[in-house]
C-alpha atoms as a PDB file:
ATOM      1  CA  MET A   1       1.747  24.021  -6.293  1.00  0.00           C
ATOM      2  CA  THR A   2       4.940  24.202  -4.255  1.00  0.00           C
ATOM      3  CA  ARG A   3       7.366  24.003  -7.187  1.00  0.00           C
ATOM      4  CA  ASN A   4       8.567  26.826  -9.358  1.00  0.00           C
ATOM      5  CA  PRO A   5       6.093  26.698 -12.271  1.00  0.00           C
ATOM      6  CA  GLU A   6       8.849  27.860 -14.638  1.00  0.00           C
ATOM      7  CA  SER A   7      11.001  24.781 -13.997  1.00  0.00           C
ATOM      8  CA  LYS A   8       9.899  21.178 -14.297  1.00  0.00           C
ATOM      9  CA  ASP A   9      13.171  20.171 -12.613  1.00  0.00           C
ATOM     10  CA  ALA A  10      12.586  22.231  -9.477  1.00  0.00           C
ATOM     11  CA  PRO A  11      12.513  20.055  -6.337  1.00  0.00           C
ATOM     12  CA  TRP A  12       9.256  19.239  -4.652  1.00  0.00           C
ATOM     13  CA  ARG A  13       8.654  20.889  -1.288  1.00  0.00           C
ATOM     14  CA  PHE A  14       6.268  18.995   0.917  1.00  0.00           C
ATOM     15  CA  ARG A  15       4.154  20.225   3.783  1.00  0.00           C
ATOM     16  CA  HIS A  16       6.153  20.755   6.959  1.00  0.00           C
ATOM     17  CA  ASP A  17       3.809  18.428   8.870  1.00  0.00           C
ATOM     18  CA  LEU A  18       4.117  15.546   6.387  1.00  0.00           C
ATOM     19  CA  LYS A  19       6.503  13.131   8.082  1.00  0.00           C
ATOM     20  CA  GLY A  20       5.769   9.764   6.516  1.00  0.00           C
ATOM     21  CA  VAL A  21       3.842   7.929   3.809  1.00  0.00           C
ATOM     22  CA  LEU A  22       2.718   4.324   4.177  1.00  0.00           C
ATOM     23  CA  PHE A  23       2.092   2.538   0.878  1.00  0.00           C
ATOM     24  CA  ASP A  24       0.109  -0.549   0.049  1.00  0.00           C
ATOM     25  CA  PHE A  25       2.157  -2.846  -2.174  1.00  0.00           C
ATOM     26  CA  ASP A  26       0.241  -5.005  -4.679  1.00  0.00           C
ATOM     27  CA  GLY A  27      -1.683  -2.776  -7.098  1.00  0.00           C
ATOM     28  CA  THR A  28      -0.176   0.366  -5.593  1.00  0.00           C
ATOM     29  CA  LEU A  29       3.611   0.201  -5.803  1.00  0.00           C
ATOM     30  CA  THR A  30       3.255  -2.655  -8.307  1.00  0.00           C
ATOM     31  CA  ARG A  31       1.047  -2.687 -11.376  1.00  0.00           C
ATOM     32  CA  PRO A  32      -2.505  -3.810 -10.619  1.00  0.00           C
ATOM     33  CA  GLY A  33      -3.809  -7.148 -11.808  1.00  0.00           C
ATOM     34  CA  THR A  34      -0.781  -9.346 -11.171  1.00  0.00           C
ATOM     35  CA  LEU A  35      -2.493 -11.380  -8.459  1.00  0.00           C
ATOM     36  CA  ASP A  36      -5.390 -13.425  -9.852  1.00  0.00           C
ATOM     37  CA  PHE A  37      -7.672 -13.326  -6.819  1.00  0.00           C
ATOM     38  CA  PRO A  38     -10.509 -15.388  -8.375  1.00  0.00           C
ATOM     39  CA  ALA A  39      -8.035 -18.165  -9.240  1.00  0.00           C
ATOM     40  CA  ILE A  40      -6.549 -18.091  -5.737  1.00  0.00           C
ATOM     41  CA  LYS A  41     -10.007 -18.307  -4.186  1.00  0.00           C
ATOM     42  CA  ARG A  42     -10.897 -21.277  -6.381  1.00  0.00           C
ATOM     43  CA  ALA A  43      -7.709 -23.048  -5.340  1.00  0.00           C
ATOM     44  CA  LEU A  44      -8.486 -22.409  -1.687  1.00  0.00           C
ATOM     45  CA  GLY A  45     -12.201 -23.176  -1.875  1.00  0.00           C
ATOM     46  CA  CYS A  46     -12.854 -19.638  -0.707  1.00  0.00           C
ATOM     47  CA  PRO A  47     -16.271 -18.152  -1.546  1.00  0.00           C
ATOM     48  CA  PRO A  48     -15.979 -15.322  -4.101  1.00  0.00           C
ATOM     49  CA  GLU A  49     -17.359 -12.719  -1.691  1.00  0.00           C
ATOM     50  CA  ARG A  50     -14.975 -13.607   1.158  1.00  0.00           C
ATOM     51  CA  PRO A  51     -11.556 -11.948   1.621  1.00  0.00           C
ATOM     52  CA  ILE A  52      -8.829 -14.583   1.354  1.00  0.00           C
ATOM     53  CA  LEU A  53      -6.964 -14.006   4.618  1.00  0.00           C
ATOM     54  CA  GLU A  54     -10.166 -13.845   6.633  1.00  0.00           C
ATOM     55  CA  TYR A  55     -11.320 -17.106   5.032  1.00  0.00           C
ATOM     56  CA  ILE A  56      -8.036 -18.811   5.906  1.00  0.00           C
ATOM     57  CA  GLY A  57      -8.156 -17.418   9.430  1.00  0.00           C
ATOM     58  CA  GLN A  58     -11.486 -19.080  10.189  1.00  0.00           C
ATOM     59  CA  HIS A  59      -9.956 -22.560   9.854  1.00  0.00           C
ATOM     60  CA  PRO A  60      -8.229 -24.597  12.605  1.00  0.00           C
ATOM     61  CA  PRO A  61      -4.422 -24.178  12.708  1.00  0.00           C
ATOM     62  CA  GLY A  62      -3.736 -27.503  10.985  1.00  0.00           C
ATOM     63  CA  GLN A  63      -5.927 -26.704   7.997  1.00  0.00           C
ATOM     64  CA  ARG A  64      -4.782 -23.098   8.012  1.00  0.00           C
ATOM     65  CA  ALA A  65      -1.155 -24.059   7.349  1.00  0.00           C
ATOM     66  CA  SER A  66      -2.024 -25.983   4.191  1.00  0.00           C
ATOM     67  CA  LEU A  67      -4.179 -23.119   2.916  1.00  0.00           C
ATOM     68  CA  VAL A  68      -1.407 -20.596   3.556  1.00  0.00           C
ATOM     69  CA  ALA A  69       0.947 -22.839   1.548  1.00  0.00           C
ATOM     70  CA  VAL A  70      -1.430 -22.638  -1.414  1.00  0.00           C
ATOM     71  CA  LEU A  71      -1.653 -18.857  -1.066  1.00  0.00           C
ATOM     72  CA  ASP A  72       2.127 -18.538  -0.781  1.00  0.00           C
ATOM     73  CA  LYS A  73       2.586 -20.534  -4.001  1.00  0.00           C
ATOM     74  CA  HIS A  74       0.240 -18.258  -5.951  1.00  0.00           C
ATOM     75  CA  GLU A  75       1.776 -15.109  -4.449  1.00  0.00           C
ATOM     76  CA  MET A  76       5.306 -16.141  -5.364  1.00  0.00           C
ATOM     77  CA  GLN A  77       4.251 -16.946  -8.919  1.00  0.00           C
ATOM     78  CA  ALA A  78       2.653 -13.510  -9.187  1.00  0.00           C
ATOM     79  CA  ALA A  79       5.674 -11.837  -7.599  1.00  0.00           C
ATOM     80  CA  ALA A  80       7.884 -13.257 -10.355  1.00  0.00           C
ATOM     81  CA  CYS A  81       5.712 -11.375 -12.879  1.00  0.00           C
ATOM     82  CA  ALA A  82       5.282  -8.172 -10.860  1.00  0.00           C
ATOM     83  CA  ARG A  83       6.440  -4.850 -12.260  1.00  0.00           C
ATOM     84  CA  PRO A  84       6.605  -1.404 -10.618  1.00  0.00           C
ATOM     85  CA  ASN A  85       3.517   0.713 -11.112  1.00  0.00           C
ATOM     86  CA  GLY A  86       3.826   3.707 -13.395  1.00  0.00           C
ATOM     87  CA  GLY A  87       5.404   6.605 -11.529  1.00  0.00           C
ATOM     88  CA  ALA A  88       5.846   4.620  -8.302  1.00  0.00           C
ATOM     89  CA  GLU A  89       9.642   4.644  -8.187  1.00  0.00           C
ATOM     90  CA  SER A  90       9.807   8.312  -9.140  1.00  0.00           C
ATOM     91  CA  CYS A  91       7.330   9.148  -6.384  1.00  0.00           C
ATOM     92  CA  LEU A  92       9.301   7.173  -3.794  1.00  0.00           C
ATOM     93  CA  ARG A  93      12.543   8.833  -4.826  1.00  0.00           C
ATOM     94  CA  THR A  94      10.965  12.286  -4.714  1.00  0.00           C
ATOM     95  CA  LEU A  95       9.549  11.724  -1.238  1.00  0.00           C
ATOM     96  CA  LYS A  96      12.892  10.513   0.105  1.00  0.00           C
ATOM     97  CA  GLU A  97      14.705  13.482  -1.450  1.00  0.00           C
ATOM     98  CA  GLY A  98      12.153  15.704   0.295  1.00  0.00           C
ATOM     99  CA  GLY A  99      12.956  14.164   3.674  1.00  0.00           C
ATOM    100  CA  VAL A 100       9.733  12.144   3.930  1.00  0.00           C
ATOM    101  CA  LEU A 101       9.967   8.624   5.360  1.00  0.00           C
ATOM    102  CA  VAL A 102       8.278   5.856   3.366  1.00  0.00           C
ATOM    103  CA  GLY A 103       6.966   2.490   4.491  1.00  0.00           C
ATOM    104  CA  ILE A 104       4.923  -0.449   3.216  1.00  0.00           C
ATOM    105  CA  LEU A 105       1.813  -2.049   4.723  1.00  0.00           C
ATOM    106  CA  THR A 106       0.575  -5.090   2.828  1.00  0.00           C
ATOM    107  CA  ARG A 107      -1.614  -8.170   3.175  1.00  0.00           C
ATOM    108  CA  ASN A 108       1.048 -10.027   1.170  1.00  0.00           C
ATOM    109  CA  SER A 109       3.881 -12.117   2.600  1.00  0.00           C
ATOM    110  CA  LEU A 110       7.333 -10.662   3.102  1.00  0.00           C
ATOM    111  CA  GLN A 111       8.939 -13.210   0.783  1.00  0.00           C
ATOM    112  CA  SER A 112       6.604 -12.239  -2.077  1.00  0.00           C
ATOM    113  CA  VAL A 113       7.315  -8.541  -1.514  1.00  0.00           C
ATOM    114  CA  ARG A 114      11.058  -9.155  -1.647  1.00  0.00           C
ATOM    115  CA  LYS A 115      10.641 -11.236  -4.807  1.00  0.00           C
ATOM    116  CA  SER A 116       8.633  -8.469  -6.486  1.00  0.00           C
ATOM    117  CA  PHE A 117      11.365  -5.927  -5.811  1.00  0.00           C
ATOM    118  CA  GLN A 118      13.680  -7.790  -8.169  1.00  0.00           C
ATOM    119  CA  ALA A 119      11.855  -6.069 -11.041  1.00  0.00           C
ATOM    120  CA  PHE A 120      12.290  -2.570  -9.600  1.00  0.00           C
ATOM    121  CA  GLN A 121      15.035  -0.452 -11.148  1.00  0.00           C
ATOM    122  CA  THR A 122      15.866   2.121  -8.481  1.00  0.00           C
ATOM    123  CA  THR A 123      14.103   0.873  -5.350  1.00  0.00           C
ATOM    124  CA  THR A 124      14.947  -1.894  -2.873  1.00  0.00           C
ATOM    125  CA  PRO A 125      13.425  -2.961   0.461  1.00  0.00           C
ATOM    126  CA  LEU A 126      16.221  -1.032   2.177  1.00  0.00           C
ATOM    127  CA  ASP A 127      14.677   2.237   0.972  1.00  0.00           C
ATOM    128  CA  PHE A 128      11.743   1.785   3.355  1.00  0.00           C
ATOM    129  CA  ALA A 129      11.715   2.703   7.019  1.00  0.00           C
ATOM    130  CA  THR A 130       9.458  -0.284   7.667  1.00  0.00           C
ATOM    131  CA  ILE A 131       7.720  -3.104   5.802  1.00  0.00           C
ATOM    132  CA  VAL A 132       4.712  -4.526   7.640  1.00  0.00           C
ATOM    133  CA  THR A 133       3.241  -7.721   6.162  1.00  0.00           C
ATOM    134  CA  ARG A 134       0.569 -10.216   7.162  1.00  0.00           C
ATOM    135  CA  GLU A 135       3.174 -11.995   9.296  1.00  0.00           C
ATOM    136  CA  ASP A 136       3.490  -8.883  11.475  1.00  0.00           C
ATOM    137  CA  ALA A 137      -0.053  -7.652  12.107  1.00  0.00           C
ATOM    138  CA  ALA A 138      -3.734  -8.325  11.720  1.00  0.00           C
ATOM    139  CA  PRO A 139      -4.454  -7.734   8.032  1.00  0.00           C
ATOM    140  CA  LYS A 140      -6.067  -4.589   6.707  1.00  0.00           C
ATOM    141  CA  PRO A 141      -8.772  -3.320   7.177  1.00  0.00           C
ATOM    142  CA  HIS A 142      -7.687  -3.809  10.794  1.00  0.00           C
ATOM    143  CA  PRO A 143      -5.661  -0.720  11.828  1.00  0.00           C
ATOM    144  CA  GLU A 144      -2.994  -2.667  13.743  1.00  0.00           C
ATOM    145  CA  GLY A 145      -0.540  -2.609  10.843  1.00  0.00           C
ATOM    146  CA  VAL A 146      -0.773   1.176  10.565  1.00  0.00           C
ATOM    147  CA  TRP A 147      -0.045   1.555  14.276  1.00  0.00           C
ATOM    148  CA  ILE A 148       2.916  -0.839  14.060  1.00  0.00           C
ATOM    149  CA  ALA A 149       4.324   1.036  11.067  1.00  0.00           C
ATOM    150  CA  ALA A 150       3.827   4.403  12.764  1.00  0.00           C
ATOM    151  CA  ARG A 151       5.768   3.233  15.822  1.00  0.00           C
ATOM    152  CA  ALA A 152       8.557   1.825  13.663  1.00  0.00           C
ATOM    153  CA  MET A 153       8.774   5.128  11.767  1.00  0.00           C
ATOM    154  CA  HIS A 154       8.536   7.163  15.009  1.00  0.00           C
ATOM    155  CA  ILE A 155       5.623   9.103  13.552  1.00  0.00           C
ATOM    156  CA  PRO A 156       2.229   9.698  15.187  1.00  0.00           C
ATOM    157  CA  PRO A 157      -0.505   8.105  13.031  1.00  0.00           C
ATOM    158  CA  GLU A 158      -2.117  11.507  12.474  1.00  0.00           C
ATOM    159  CA  ARG A 159       1.105  12.694  10.767  1.00  0.00           C
ATOM    160  CA  LEU A 160       1.113   9.678   8.469  1.00  0.00           C
ATOM    161  CA  VAL A 161      -0.551   9.331   5.053  1.00  0.00           C
ATOM    162  CA  VAL A 162      -1.758   5.879   3.997  1.00  0.00           C
ATOM    163  CA  ILE A 163      -1.948   5.301   0.229  1.00  0.00           C
ATOM    164  CA  GLY A 164      -3.559   2.297  -1.412  1.00  0.00           C
ATOM    165  CA  ASP A 165      -5.666   1.129  -4.320  1.00  0.00           C
ATOM    166  CA  TYR A 166      -8.294  -0.775  -2.353  1.00  0.00           C
ATOM    167  CA  ARG A 167     -10.946   0.060   0.202  1.00  0.00           C
ATOM    168  CA  PHE A 168      -9.189  -1.951   2.942  1.00  0.00           C
ATOM    169  CA  ASP A 169      -6.234   0.453   2.764  1.00  0.00           C
ATOM    170  CA  ILE A 170      -8.473   3.443   3.354  1.00  0.00           C
ATOM    171  CA  ILE A 171     -10.473   1.777   6.127  1.00  0.00           C
ATOM    172  CA  ALA A 172      -7.302   0.749   7.982  1.00  0.00           C
ATOM    173  CA  GLY A 173      -5.798   4.218   7.660  1.00  0.00           C
ATOM    174  CA  LYS A 174      -8.936   6.006   8.835  1.00  0.00           C
ATOM    175  CA  ARG A 175      -9.404   3.648  11.779  1.00  0.00           C
ATOM    176  CA  ALA A 176      -5.813   4.293  12.835  1.00  0.00           C
ATOM    177  CA  GLY A 177      -6.237   8.073  12.675  1.00  0.00           C
ATOM    178  CA  ALA A 178      -4.062   8.612   9.598  1.00  0.00           C
ATOM    179  CA  LYS A 179      -4.763  10.661   6.488  1.00  0.00           C
ATOM    180  CA  THR A 180      -5.593   8.582   3.416  1.00  0.00           C
ATOM    181  CA  ILE A 181      -5.278   8.686  -0.368  1.00  0.00           C
ATOM    182  CA  LEU A 182      -7.083   6.239  -2.641  1.00  0.00           C
ATOM    183  CA  LEU A 183      -5.014   5.521  -5.773  1.00  0.00           C
ATOM    184  CA  THR A 184      -7.444   4.485  -8.515  1.00  0.00           C
ATOM    185  CA  ASN A 185      -4.893   3.881 -11.290  1.00  0.00           C
ATOM    186  CA  GLY A 186      -7.419   5.597 -13.570  1.00  0.00           C
ATOM    187  CA  LYS A 187     -10.201   3.120 -12.763  1.00  0.00           C
ATOM    188  CA  ASP A 188     -13.396   3.257 -10.705  1.00  0.00           C
ATOM    189  CA  SER A 189     -13.199   3.620  -6.940  1.00  0.00           C
ATOM    190  CA  THR A 190     -13.222   0.402  -4.898  1.00  0.00           C
ATOM    191  CA  MET A 191     -14.973   2.033  -1.944  1.00  0.00           C
ATOM    192  CA  ALA A 192     -18.292   0.565  -0.841  1.00  0.00           C
ATOM    193  CA  ASP A 193     -21.392   2.086   0.715  1.00  0.00           C
ATOM    194  CA  GLY A 194     -20.778   2.779   4.378  1.00  0.00           C
ATOM    195  CA  ASP A 195     -16.977   2.956   4.034  1.00  0.00           C
ATOM    196  CA  PRO A 196     -15.183   6.008   5.396  1.00  0.00           C
ATOM    197  CA  ALA A 197     -14.339   8.402   2.595  1.00  0.00           C
ATOM    198  CA  PRO A 198     -10.665   8.755   1.653  1.00  0.00           C
ATOM    199  CA  ASP A 199      -9.232  12.205   2.252  1.00  0.00           C
ATOM    200  CA  HIS A 200      -8.169  12.346  -1.382  1.00  0.00           C
ATOM    201  CA  VAL A 201      -8.629  10.294  -4.549  1.00  0.00           C
ATOM    202  CA  CYS A 202      -5.789  10.263  -7.095  1.00  0.00           C
ATOM    203  CA  ALA A 203      -5.567   8.577 -10.481  1.00  0.00           C
ATOM    204  CA  SER A 204      -1.760   8.564 -10.654  1.00  0.00           C
ATOM    205  CA  PHE A 205       1.402   9.035  -8.633  1.00  0.00           C
ATOM    206  CA  GLU A 206       1.864  12.469 -10.205  1.00  0.00           C
ATOM    207  CA  GLU A 207      -1.442  13.461  -8.636  1.00  0.00           C
ATOM    208  CA  VAL A 208      -0.295  11.915  -5.345  1.00  0.00           C
ATOM    209  CA  LEU A 209       2.744  14.196  -5.300  1.00  0.00           C
ATOM    210  CA  GLU A 210       0.536  17.198  -6.043  1.00  0.00           C
ATOM    211  CA  VAL A 211      -1.675  16.345  -3.068  1.00  0.00           C
ATOM    212  CA  LEU A 212       1.235  15.728  -0.707  1.00  0.00           C
ATOM    213  CA  SER A 213       2.726  19.117  -1.542  1.00  0.00           C
ATOM    214  CA  ALA A 214      -0.528  21.076  -1.362  1.00  0.00           C
ATOM    215  CA  GLU A 215      -1.379  23.616   1.303  1.00  0.00           C
ATOM    216  CA  PRO A 216      -3.353  22.477   3.146  1.00  0.00           C
ATOM    217  CA  LEU A 217      -2.908  18.734   2.694  1.00  0.00           C
ATOM    218  CA  ILE A 218      -6.438  17.901   3.783  1.00  0.00           C
END
C-alpha cells in the first residue's frame, strides 16, 4: 500500500515509473454486456467463432462498407444504453490527480465512444490524452493501436499499462511491450490456451488502483 492506512481519504501515490494507462472501452470503462455480439454476428452473417472486425475485413471494399454500416447501427444503439463501469470514473479521476496520463484503445468506433460518454457523470473525452479507435489503427489484438497511443501520449510502450476485460487487450499490450492488467469484473478470465499471460488480473477498479500503486508494479 502507498496510502496512509489510517486515512481512507489519503491521496494515492503511484509508482514513479508509471507514466500512462491505456484503457479498453466497452466492458472496461463501461459496464460489460451492453453490446450483444451474438446478435451483431447474426445480422452480419458472421460465424460465431469469428471476430467481427476480422470478418468484415475479409470482404471486398464495396461489401465491407455495407457491413460496417450494420455494425455502426448496433454500436450506436448499444452506446445509447451504455453506463460507466463500477469504479471506473473514480479510478480515472484518481489517476489524473496522481499525474498519470490516461488514454483509450478500442475496437469500437469513435462516434459510439462519444455517444457512450453522455452517460458518464464526471468524465468526458477531453479527459483522455488520446482515444484510438478502429478508424485509427489495426484492431486489437494487433499492437499498432498501443504504439499509436504511446506516441500520442509521449510515453514509451514499456512505461505504459494496458487494461482491458478481454484477451485481445492483453495480447495487444504484450505484443507492443507494455505491461498489462486483465479486468475480470468478477467473472472468469477470457484468456485462452497459448495466450500471453497478463501481468496482473484484477476483479475491480479498486484492485487496479492497488496494483498501480504497488512496489514493484510487476
